[in-house]
N, C-alpha and C. Protein backbone atom coordinates (compact mmCIF):
# COMPACT_ATOMS: atom_id res chain seq x y z
N MET A 1 48.86 -11.78 -102.78
CA MET A 1 50.00 -12.13 -101.96
C MET A 1 49.60 -13.23 -100.97
N THR A 2 50.49 -14.19 -100.76
CA THR A 2 50.22 -15.26 -99.80
C THR A 2 50.48 -14.75 -98.38
N ASP A 3 49.97 -15.47 -97.40
CA ASP A 3 50.22 -15.10 -96.00
C ASP A 3 51.71 -15.06 -95.71
N GLN A 4 52.46 -16.02 -96.23
CA GLN A 4 53.90 -16.05 -96.00
C GLN A 4 54.59 -14.83 -96.60
N THR A 5 54.17 -14.42 -97.79
CA THR A 5 54.74 -13.23 -98.43
C THR A 5 54.42 -11.99 -97.61
N VAL A 6 53.21 -11.91 -97.08
CA VAL A 6 52.82 -10.78 -96.23
C VAL A 6 53.72 -10.71 -95.00
N LEU A 7 53.95 -11.86 -94.36
CA LEU A 7 54.82 -11.89 -93.18
C LEU A 7 56.24 -11.47 -93.54
N GLU A 8 56.75 -11.96 -94.65
CA GLU A 8 58.10 -11.59 -95.08
C GLU A 8 58.19 -10.10 -95.38
N SER A 9 57.10 -9.52 -95.89
CA SER A 9 57.12 -8.09 -96.23
C SER A 9 57.20 -7.19 -94.99
N ILE A 10 56.84 -7.73 -93.82
CA ILE A 10 56.95 -6.92 -92.59
C ILE A 10 58.17 -7.34 -91.76
N GLY A 11 59.05 -8.14 -92.37
CA GLY A 11 60.31 -8.47 -91.72
C GLY A 11 60.33 -9.75 -90.91
N CYS A 12 59.35 -10.62 -91.11
CA CYS A 12 59.32 -11.90 -90.41
C CYS A 12 59.88 -13.00 -91.30
N LYS A 13 60.72 -13.83 -90.73
CA LYS A 13 61.18 -15.03 -91.44
C LYS A 13 60.26 -16.17 -91.02
N VAL A 14 59.56 -16.75 -91.99
CA VAL A 14 58.61 -17.82 -91.70
C VAL A 14 59.36 -19.15 -91.59
N LEU A 15 59.18 -19.83 -90.45
CA LEU A 15 59.81 -21.12 -90.24
C LEU A 15 58.88 -22.27 -90.63
N LYS A 16 57.60 -22.16 -90.24
CA LYS A 16 56.63 -23.18 -90.64
C LYS A 16 55.22 -22.73 -90.26
N GLN A 17 54.24 -23.38 -90.87
CA GLN A 17 52.84 -23.13 -90.51
C GLN A 17 52.51 -24.00 -89.31
N LEU A 18 51.89 -23.39 -88.30
CA LEU A 18 51.52 -24.13 -87.09
C LEU A 18 50.10 -24.66 -87.13
N GLY A 19 49.21 -23.94 -87.80
CA GLY A 19 47.82 -24.37 -87.86
C GLY A 19 46.97 -23.32 -88.51
N SER A 20 45.70 -23.66 -88.71
CA SER A 20 44.78 -22.69 -89.29
C SER A 20 43.40 -22.94 -88.71
N GLY A 21 42.60 -21.89 -88.72
CA GLY A 21 41.25 -21.97 -88.20
C GLY A 21 40.31 -21.17 -89.07
N ALA A 22 39.13 -20.92 -88.54
CA ALA A 22 38.09 -20.23 -89.29
C ALA A 22 38.51 -18.81 -89.67
N TYR A 23 39.32 -18.16 -88.83
CA TYR A 23 39.61 -16.75 -89.06
C TYR A 23 41.05 -16.46 -89.45
N GLY A 24 41.89 -17.48 -89.56
CA GLY A 24 43.25 -17.17 -89.93
C GLY A 24 44.18 -18.35 -89.84
N THR A 25 45.44 -18.08 -90.16
CA THR A 25 46.49 -19.09 -90.15
C THR A 25 47.59 -18.61 -89.21
N VAL A 26 48.16 -19.55 -88.46
CA VAL A 26 49.22 -19.21 -87.51
C VAL A 26 50.53 -19.82 -87.99
N PHE A 27 51.57 -18.99 -87.98
CA PHE A 27 52.90 -19.40 -88.42
C PHE A 27 53.91 -19.22 -87.29
N LEU A 28 54.93 -20.04 -87.31
CA LEU A 28 56.09 -19.85 -86.45
C LEU A 28 57.04 -18.97 -87.23
N VAL A 29 57.43 -17.84 -86.63
CA VAL A 29 58.28 -16.88 -87.32
C VAL A 29 59.42 -16.43 -86.42
N VAL A 30 60.42 -15.84 -87.05
CA VAL A 30 61.46 -15.12 -86.33
C VAL A 30 61.29 -13.66 -86.74
N GLU A 31 61.13 -12.81 -85.74
CA GLU A 31 60.92 -11.38 -85.97
C GLU A 31 62.06 -10.64 -85.28
N SER A 32 62.57 -9.58 -85.89
CA SER A 32 63.79 -8.94 -85.41
C SER A 32 63.68 -8.38 -83.99
N THR A 33 62.54 -7.87 -83.59
CA THR A 33 62.39 -7.29 -82.25
C THR A 33 62.09 -8.34 -81.19
N PHE A 34 61.23 -9.30 -81.52
CA PHE A 34 60.73 -10.25 -80.52
C PHE A 34 61.36 -11.63 -80.61
N GLY A 35 62.12 -11.90 -81.65
CA GLY A 35 62.70 -13.23 -81.81
C GLY A 35 61.65 -14.22 -82.30
N ILE A 36 61.68 -15.43 -81.74
CA ILE A 36 60.72 -16.46 -82.14
C ILE A 36 59.34 -16.07 -81.62
N ALA A 37 58.35 -16.13 -82.52
CA ALA A 37 56.98 -15.75 -82.16
C ALA A 37 56.00 -16.55 -83.01
N ALA A 38 54.76 -16.53 -82.57
CA ALA A 38 53.67 -17.07 -83.37
C ALA A 38 53.01 -15.87 -84.05
N ALA A 39 52.74 -15.98 -85.34
CA ALA A 39 52.12 -14.88 -86.09
C ALA A 39 50.79 -15.37 -86.65
N LYS A 40 49.71 -14.74 -86.19
CA LYS A 40 48.38 -15.07 -86.71
C LYS A 40 48.08 -14.10 -87.84
N VAL A 41 47.80 -14.64 -89.02
CA VAL A 41 47.49 -13.81 -90.19
C VAL A 41 46.03 -14.05 -90.56
N MET A 42 45.28 -12.96 -90.70
CA MET A 42 43.87 -13.10 -91.05
C MET A 42 43.47 -12.02 -92.04
N ASP A 43 42.41 -12.29 -92.80
CA ASP A 43 41.86 -11.26 -93.67
C ASP A 43 41.45 -10.08 -92.80
N LEU A 44 41.65 -8.89 -93.30
CA LEU A 44 41.34 -7.69 -92.54
C LEU A 44 39.89 -7.66 -92.09
N GLN A 45 39.00 -8.23 -92.89
CA GLN A 45 37.58 -8.23 -92.53
C GLN A 45 37.31 -9.06 -91.27
N HIS A 46 38.23 -9.99 -90.92
CA HIS A 46 38.06 -10.80 -89.72
C HIS A 46 38.77 -10.23 -88.50
N PHE A 47 39.55 -9.16 -88.70
CA PHE A 47 40.28 -8.56 -87.58
C PHE A 47 39.33 -7.69 -86.79
N ASN A 48 39.26 -7.95 -85.52
CA ASN A 48 38.38 -7.22 -84.63
C ASN A 48 39.23 -6.30 -83.76
N GLU A 49 39.03 -5.00 -83.87
CA GLU A 49 39.80 -4.04 -83.06
C GLU A 49 39.63 -4.33 -81.58
N ARG A 50 38.42 -4.76 -81.19
CA ARG A 50 38.19 -5.07 -79.78
C ARG A 50 39.05 -6.24 -79.33
N GLU A 51 39.30 -7.20 -80.24
CA GLU A 51 40.18 -8.32 -79.89
C GLU A 51 41.55 -7.79 -79.51
N TRP A 52 42.04 -6.81 -80.26
CA TRP A 52 43.36 -6.27 -79.96
C TRP A 52 43.33 -5.49 -78.65
N GLU A 53 42.26 -4.76 -78.38
CA GLU A 53 42.14 -4.04 -77.11
C GLU A 53 42.13 -5.02 -75.93
N VAL A 54 41.37 -6.11 -76.08
CA VAL A 54 41.32 -7.14 -75.05
C VAL A 54 42.71 -7.77 -74.89
N ALA A 55 43.37 -8.05 -76.00
CA ALA A 55 44.71 -8.63 -75.96
C ALA A 55 45.67 -7.70 -75.22
N GLY A 56 45.50 -6.39 -75.39
CA GLY A 56 46.32 -5.44 -74.66
C GLY A 56 46.13 -5.54 -73.16
N LYS A 57 44.87 -5.67 -72.74
CA LYS A 57 44.59 -5.84 -71.31
C LYS A 57 45.19 -7.14 -70.79
N VAL A 58 45.05 -8.19 -71.57
CA VAL A 58 45.57 -9.49 -71.16
C VAL A 58 47.09 -9.45 -71.10
N SER A 59 47.72 -8.82 -72.08
CA SER A 59 49.18 -8.77 -72.12
C SER A 59 49.76 -8.02 -70.93
N LYS A 60 49.06 -7.00 -70.48
CA LYS A 60 49.52 -6.30 -69.27
C LYS A 60 49.57 -7.27 -68.10
N GLN A 61 48.59 -8.16 -68.04
CA GLN A 61 48.55 -9.16 -66.97
C GLN A 61 49.53 -10.30 -67.24
N ALA A 62 49.77 -10.61 -68.51
CA ALA A 62 50.64 -11.73 -68.87
C ALA A 62 52.07 -11.49 -68.38
N ASP A 63 52.44 -10.22 -68.23
CA ASP A 63 53.77 -9.93 -67.70
C ASP A 63 53.93 -10.48 -66.29
N SER A 64 52.81 -10.53 -65.54
CA SER A 64 52.87 -11.02 -64.16
C SER A 64 52.34 -12.44 -64.04
N CYS A 65 51.77 -13.00 -65.09
CA CYS A 65 51.22 -14.36 -65.05
C CYS A 65 51.74 -15.15 -66.25
N GLN A 66 52.61 -16.07 -65.97
CA GLN A 66 53.23 -16.85 -67.05
C GLN A 66 52.28 -17.83 -67.72
N TYR A 67 51.04 -17.93 -67.23
CA TYR A 67 50.09 -18.90 -67.78
C TYR A 67 49.19 -18.31 -68.86
N LEU A 68 49.48 -17.09 -69.29
CA LEU A 68 48.74 -16.44 -70.37
C LEU A 68 49.71 -16.16 -71.52
N VAL A 69 49.28 -16.44 -72.75
CA VAL A 69 50.11 -16.11 -73.91
C VAL A 69 50.18 -14.59 -74.01
N ASN A 70 51.38 -14.08 -74.18
CA ASN A 70 51.60 -12.64 -74.25
C ASN A 70 51.51 -12.16 -75.70
N TYR A 71 50.66 -11.19 -75.95
CA TYR A 71 50.54 -10.60 -77.29
C TYR A 71 51.61 -9.53 -77.41
N LYS A 72 52.33 -9.53 -78.53
CA LYS A 72 53.48 -8.64 -78.71
C LYS A 72 53.15 -7.41 -79.55
N ALA A 73 52.52 -7.61 -80.71
CA ALA A 73 52.28 -6.50 -81.63
C ALA A 73 51.21 -6.89 -82.64
N ALA A 74 50.62 -5.89 -83.24
CA ALA A 74 49.66 -6.11 -84.33
C ALA A 74 49.99 -5.14 -85.45
N GLN A 75 49.75 -5.57 -86.66
CA GLN A 75 50.02 -4.71 -87.81
C GLN A 75 49.00 -5.02 -88.90
N LYS A 76 48.60 -3.98 -89.61
CA LYS A 76 47.67 -4.15 -90.73
C LYS A 76 48.41 -3.89 -92.03
N THR A 77 48.06 -4.67 -93.05
CA THR A 77 48.50 -4.38 -94.41
C THR A 77 47.24 -3.98 -95.16
N GLN A 78 47.30 -3.91 -96.48
CA GLN A 78 46.12 -3.50 -97.24
C GLN A 78 44.93 -4.41 -97.02
N ASP A 79 45.17 -5.71 -96.96
CA ASP A 79 44.04 -6.64 -96.84
C ASP A 79 44.18 -7.68 -95.74
N ARG A 80 45.25 -7.57 -94.93
CA ARG A 80 45.46 -8.55 -93.87
C ARG A 80 45.80 -7.87 -92.55
N ALA A 81 45.52 -8.60 -91.48
CA ALA A 81 45.96 -8.19 -90.14
C ALA A 81 46.87 -9.28 -89.61
N ILE A 82 47.93 -8.87 -88.93
CA ILE A 82 48.90 -9.80 -88.37
C ILE A 82 49.00 -9.52 -86.88
N ILE A 83 48.89 -10.57 -86.08
CA ILE A 83 49.08 -10.46 -84.64
C ILE A 83 50.29 -11.31 -84.27
N LEU A 84 51.29 -10.68 -83.67
CA LEU A 84 52.47 -11.41 -83.18
C LEU A 84 52.27 -11.69 -81.70
N MET A 85 52.49 -12.94 -81.32
CA MET A 85 52.30 -13.32 -79.93
C MET A 85 53.38 -14.31 -79.51
N GLU A 86 53.48 -14.47 -78.21
CA GLU A 86 54.41 -15.44 -77.65
C GLU A 86 54.13 -16.83 -78.24
N PHE A 87 55.19 -17.57 -78.50
CA PHE A 87 55.06 -18.92 -79.05
C PHE A 87 55.10 -19.94 -77.92
N ALA A 88 54.05 -20.74 -77.80
CA ALA A 88 54.03 -21.86 -76.86
C ALA A 88 54.56 -23.06 -77.63
N ASN A 89 55.66 -23.64 -77.16
CA ASN A 89 56.43 -24.58 -77.98
C ASN A 89 56.01 -26.05 -77.89
N LEU A 90 54.90 -26.34 -77.22
CA LEU A 90 54.37 -27.70 -77.16
C LEU A 90 52.91 -27.71 -77.60
N PRO A 91 52.38 -28.87 -77.95
CA PRO A 91 50.99 -28.94 -78.45
C PRO A 91 49.95 -28.59 -77.38
N PRO A 92 48.72 -28.39 -77.82
CA PRO A 92 47.64 -28.05 -76.88
C PRO A 92 47.16 -29.28 -76.09
N LEU A 93 46.43 -29.01 -75.04
CA LEU A 93 45.83 -30.04 -74.20
C LEU A 93 45.00 -31.02 -75.02
N GLN A 94 44.36 -30.54 -76.07
CA GLN A 94 43.52 -31.40 -76.90
C GLN A 94 44.31 -32.61 -77.44
N LYS A 95 45.59 -32.41 -77.73
CA LYS A 95 46.41 -33.52 -78.25
C LYS A 95 46.52 -34.65 -77.23
N ILE A 96 46.57 -34.30 -75.94
CA ILE A 96 46.61 -35.33 -74.90
C ILE A 96 45.30 -36.11 -74.91
N PHE A 97 44.19 -35.39 -75.03
CA PHE A 97 42.89 -36.06 -75.08
C PHE A 97 42.78 -36.96 -76.31
N ASP A 98 43.33 -36.50 -77.43
CA ASP A 98 43.25 -37.27 -78.68
C ASP A 98 44.08 -38.55 -78.63
N CYS A 99 45.11 -38.60 -77.78
CA CYS A 99 45.99 -39.76 -77.70
C CYS A 99 45.31 -40.99 -77.11
N LYS A 100 44.22 -40.79 -76.40
CA LYS A 100 43.50 -41.91 -75.76
C LYS A 100 44.50 -42.76 -74.96
N LEU A 101 45.08 -42.13 -73.96
CA LEU A 101 46.09 -42.79 -73.13
C LEU A 101 45.53 -44.05 -72.47
N PRO A 102 46.35 -45.10 -72.36
CA PRO A 102 45.87 -46.34 -71.75
C PRO A 102 45.60 -46.20 -70.25
N HIS A 103 46.17 -45.18 -69.63
CA HIS A 103 45.93 -44.93 -68.20
C HIS A 103 45.87 -43.43 -67.98
N LEU A 104 45.28 -43.03 -66.89
CA LEU A 104 45.15 -41.61 -66.58
C LEU A 104 46.51 -41.02 -66.23
N PRO A 105 46.71 -39.73 -66.54
CA PRO A 105 47.95 -39.07 -66.10
C PRO A 105 48.02 -39.07 -64.57
N ARG A 106 49.22 -38.93 -64.06
CA ARG A 106 49.43 -38.92 -62.60
C ARG A 106 48.68 -37.75 -61.96
N GLU A 107 48.29 -37.97 -60.72
CA GLU A 107 47.52 -36.96 -59.99
C GLU A 107 48.30 -35.66 -59.83
N ASP A 108 49.61 -35.73 -59.58
CA ASP A 108 50.39 -34.50 -59.41
C ASP A 108 50.44 -33.70 -60.71
N PHE A 109 50.45 -34.39 -61.85
CA PHE A 109 50.42 -33.71 -63.15
C PHE A 109 49.09 -32.97 -63.31
N ILE A 110 47.99 -33.65 -63.02
CA ILE A 110 46.66 -33.04 -63.15
C ILE A 110 46.51 -31.87 -62.19
N LYS A 111 46.98 -32.02 -60.96
CA LYS A 111 46.91 -30.92 -59.98
C LYS A 111 47.67 -29.69 -60.47
N SER A 112 48.85 -29.93 -61.02
CA SER A 112 49.67 -28.82 -61.51
C SER A 112 48.98 -28.09 -62.66
N ILE A 113 48.42 -28.85 -63.59
CA ILE A 113 47.71 -28.26 -64.74
C ILE A 113 46.52 -27.44 -64.23
N MET A 114 45.75 -28.02 -63.34
CA MET A 114 44.56 -27.33 -62.82
C MET A 114 44.94 -26.05 -62.08
N TRP A 115 46.00 -26.10 -61.27
CA TRP A 115 46.42 -24.92 -60.53
C TRP A 115 46.83 -23.81 -61.50
N GLN A 116 47.58 -24.17 -62.52
CA GLN A 116 48.02 -23.18 -63.50
C GLN A 116 46.84 -22.58 -64.26
N LEU A 117 45.91 -23.44 -64.68
CA LEU A 117 44.71 -22.96 -65.38
C LEU A 117 43.90 -22.01 -64.51
N LEU A 118 43.66 -22.41 -63.28
CA LEU A 118 42.87 -21.57 -62.37
C LEU A 118 43.58 -20.25 -62.09
N ASN A 119 44.89 -20.29 -61.97
CA ASN A 119 45.67 -19.06 -61.77
C ASN A 119 45.51 -18.14 -62.98
N GLY A 120 45.65 -18.69 -64.18
CA GLY A 120 45.49 -17.90 -65.40
C GLY A 120 44.10 -17.33 -65.55
N ILE A 121 43.08 -18.15 -65.30
CA ILE A 121 41.69 -17.69 -65.39
C ILE A 121 41.42 -16.59 -64.36
N SER A 122 41.97 -16.76 -63.17
CA SER A 122 41.81 -15.74 -62.13
C SER A 122 42.38 -14.39 -62.58
N VAL A 123 43.54 -14.42 -63.20
CA VAL A 123 44.15 -13.17 -63.69
C VAL A 123 43.28 -12.55 -64.79
N ILE A 124 42.74 -13.38 -65.67
CA ILE A 124 41.85 -12.87 -66.72
C ILE A 124 40.64 -12.18 -66.08
N HIS A 125 40.03 -12.84 -65.11
CA HIS A 125 38.85 -12.27 -64.44
C HIS A 125 39.20 -11.02 -63.64
N GLN A 126 40.36 -11.00 -63.00
CA GLN A 126 40.79 -9.80 -62.26
C GLN A 126 41.00 -8.61 -63.21
N SER A 127 41.24 -8.90 -64.48
CA SER A 127 41.39 -7.85 -65.48
C SER A 127 40.04 -7.33 -65.97
N GLY A 128 38.95 -7.92 -65.44
CA GLY A 128 37.61 -7.51 -65.86
C GLY A 128 37.16 -8.18 -67.15
N LEU A 129 37.78 -9.31 -67.49
CA LEU A 129 37.48 -10.00 -68.75
C LEU A 129 36.94 -11.40 -68.51
N ILE A 130 36.25 -11.91 -69.52
CA ILE A 130 35.81 -13.30 -69.57
C ILE A 130 36.34 -13.87 -70.88
N HIS A 131 37.00 -15.02 -70.84
CA HIS A 131 37.62 -15.62 -72.03
C HIS A 131 36.57 -16.03 -73.06
N ARG A 132 35.56 -16.75 -72.70
CA ARG A 132 34.41 -17.18 -73.48
C ARG A 132 34.69 -18.26 -74.53
N ASP A 133 35.91 -18.73 -74.66
CA ASP A 133 36.19 -19.83 -75.58
C ASP A 133 37.30 -20.72 -75.01
N LEU A 134 37.24 -20.94 -73.70
CA LEU A 134 38.26 -21.75 -73.05
C LEU A 134 37.96 -23.22 -73.32
N LYS A 135 38.82 -23.85 -74.08
CA LYS A 135 38.66 -25.25 -74.47
C LYS A 135 40.05 -25.85 -74.61
N ALA A 136 40.10 -27.16 -74.77
CA ALA A 136 41.39 -27.87 -74.79
C ALA A 136 42.31 -27.38 -75.92
N ASP A 137 41.76 -26.94 -77.05
CA ASP A 137 42.59 -26.42 -78.14
C ASP A 137 43.22 -25.07 -77.81
N ASN A 138 42.66 -24.35 -76.84
CA ASN A 138 43.16 -23.02 -76.48
C ASN A 138 43.99 -23.05 -75.19
N ILE A 139 44.34 -24.24 -74.76
CA ILE A 139 45.23 -24.41 -73.61
C ILE A 139 46.49 -25.10 -74.13
N MET A 140 47.53 -24.30 -74.31
CA MET A 140 48.78 -24.79 -74.88
C MET A 140 49.72 -25.20 -73.75
N PHE A 141 50.72 -26.00 -74.11
CA PHE A 141 51.80 -26.33 -73.18
C PHE A 141 53.07 -25.66 -73.67
N HIS A 142 53.94 -25.30 -72.72
CA HIS A 142 55.18 -24.61 -73.06
C HIS A 142 56.30 -25.12 -72.17
N ASN A 143 57.40 -25.53 -72.79
CA ASN A 143 58.59 -25.93 -72.05
C ASN A 143 59.46 -24.70 -71.87
N ILE A 144 59.73 -24.36 -70.64
CA ILE A 144 60.59 -23.21 -70.35
C ILE A 144 62.01 -23.59 -70.76
N TYR A 145 62.58 -22.81 -71.67
CA TYR A 145 63.89 -23.11 -72.24
C TYR A 145 64.93 -23.35 -71.15
N GLY A 146 65.71 -24.39 -71.34
CA GLY A 146 66.79 -24.70 -70.41
C GLY A 146 66.33 -25.40 -69.14
N SER A 147 65.09 -25.86 -69.10
CA SER A 147 64.60 -26.55 -67.91
C SER A 147 63.72 -27.73 -68.31
N ASP A 148 63.35 -28.52 -67.32
CA ASP A 148 62.41 -29.62 -67.55
C ASP A 148 60.98 -29.19 -67.26
N GLN A 149 60.80 -27.93 -66.87
CA GLN A 149 59.48 -27.45 -66.46
C GLN A 149 58.57 -27.21 -67.67
N VAL A 150 57.35 -27.74 -67.59
CA VAL A 150 56.33 -27.52 -68.60
C VAL A 150 55.16 -26.80 -67.93
N ILE A 151 54.71 -25.72 -68.56
CA ILE A 151 53.59 -24.95 -68.01
C ILE A 151 52.49 -24.82 -69.06
N VAL A 152 51.30 -24.44 -68.60
CA VAL A 152 50.21 -24.18 -69.54
C VAL A 152 50.24 -22.72 -69.96
N LYS A 153 49.69 -22.45 -71.12
CA LYS A 153 49.54 -21.10 -71.65
C LYS A 153 48.14 -20.99 -72.23
N ILE A 154 47.32 -20.14 -71.64
CA ILE A 154 45.97 -19.90 -72.17
C ILE A 154 46.11 -18.95 -73.34
N THR A 155 45.46 -19.29 -74.45
CA THR A 155 45.59 -18.49 -75.66
C THR A 155 44.23 -18.23 -76.30
N ASP A 156 44.22 -17.52 -77.40
CA ASP A 156 43.05 -17.21 -78.22
C ASP A 156 41.99 -16.42 -77.47
N PHE A 157 42.22 -15.13 -77.38
CA PHE A 157 41.31 -14.23 -76.70
C PHE A 157 40.37 -13.52 -77.67
N GLY A 158 40.17 -14.12 -78.85
CA GLY A 158 39.33 -13.52 -79.89
C GLY A 158 37.89 -13.31 -79.49
N LEU A 159 37.36 -14.14 -78.59
CA LEU A 159 35.97 -13.99 -78.14
C LEU A 159 35.87 -13.37 -76.75
N ALA A 160 37.00 -13.04 -76.14
CA ALA A 160 36.99 -12.47 -74.79
C ALA A 160 36.28 -11.11 -74.78
N ARG A 161 35.59 -10.86 -73.71
CA ARG A 161 34.88 -9.59 -73.55
C ARG A 161 34.98 -9.12 -72.11
N GLU A 162 34.71 -7.84 -71.93
CA GLU A 162 34.67 -7.30 -70.58
C GLU A 162 33.40 -7.77 -69.89
N LYS A 163 33.51 -7.98 -68.57
CA LYS A 163 32.35 -8.40 -67.79
C LYS A 163 31.38 -7.23 -67.65
N ASP A 164 30.08 -7.56 -67.53
CA ASP A 164 29.09 -6.52 -67.26
C ASP A 164 29.05 -6.26 -65.75
N ALA A 165 28.13 -5.42 -65.31
CA ALA A 165 28.05 -5.03 -63.90
C ALA A 165 27.83 -6.23 -62.97
N GLN A 166 27.18 -7.28 -63.47
CA GLN A 166 26.94 -8.47 -62.65
C GLN A 166 28.09 -9.48 -62.75
N GLY A 167 29.15 -9.12 -63.46
CA GLY A 167 30.32 -9.98 -63.54
C GLY A 167 30.20 -11.12 -64.52
N ARG A 168 29.44 -10.93 -65.58
CA ARG A 168 29.29 -12.00 -66.57
C ARG A 168 29.36 -11.40 -67.97
N GLY A 169 29.57 -12.27 -68.95
CA GLY A 169 29.52 -11.85 -70.34
C GLY A 169 28.08 -11.71 -70.74
N VAL A 170 27.81 -10.91 -71.74
CA VAL A 170 26.41 -10.63 -72.08
C VAL A 170 25.88 -11.41 -73.26
N THR A 171 26.71 -12.15 -73.97
CA THR A 171 26.21 -12.95 -75.09
C THR A 171 26.76 -14.36 -75.00
N GLN A 172 26.01 -15.30 -75.56
CA GLN A 172 26.46 -16.68 -75.59
C GLN A 172 27.34 -16.86 -76.81
N CYS A 173 28.45 -17.56 -76.63
CA CYS A 173 29.36 -17.81 -77.74
C CYS A 173 30.26 -18.97 -77.38
N GLY A 174 31.27 -19.21 -78.19
CA GLY A 174 32.22 -20.27 -77.90
C GLY A 174 32.15 -21.35 -78.94
N THR A 175 32.80 -22.44 -78.66
CA THR A 175 32.82 -23.58 -79.56
C THR A 175 31.93 -24.66 -78.95
N PRO A 176 30.74 -24.89 -79.50
CA PRO A 176 29.85 -25.90 -78.93
C PRO A 176 30.54 -27.27 -78.86
N LEU A 177 30.29 -27.98 -77.80
CA LEU A 177 30.83 -29.30 -77.54
C LEU A 177 32.34 -29.30 -77.30
N GLY A 178 33.01 -28.20 -77.54
CA GLY A 178 34.45 -28.15 -77.31
C GLY A 178 34.81 -27.41 -76.04
N MET A 179 33.84 -26.79 -75.43
CA MET A 179 34.09 -25.98 -74.24
C MET A 179 34.33 -26.89 -73.04
N VAL A 180 35.25 -26.48 -72.18
CA VAL A 180 35.49 -27.22 -70.94
C VAL A 180 35.15 -26.34 -69.75
């Protein structure tokens, strides 16, 4: 069965593929309970139960912090795991870097992005977690429907872990050269 067929079998209407990575493919879907969502589909062998537990902790905080992608639900099939999450409707920060702009963005734009990122990271840390893979590809932009406001959304908590007693993660990980 294809990833799209798996999504359709659990009641999701697939609108398009958004991207793929080492551990799965992300689709834009319409789901009956949550409406428009991003659905990450991965082989069951790549699904980490701890990732879902961490996502649960983050989602509790995401209700009070709009700068974190909210995880909605997870479901397993015979050979796949599906994670439904909030859809950030604009490209990631990496796309801005890739554009090689002829001039720097305005200072107020940069200040706003930095404030939102720091606010989101603070909420993650207050939850007792460390993201461990914060990079431009995992910082999405989202236009709030019906407004001109664009906000950041921190996503991809697959490598996030709880802090140890000294307030740090205990293993080195992340995306080399991509970390910010």
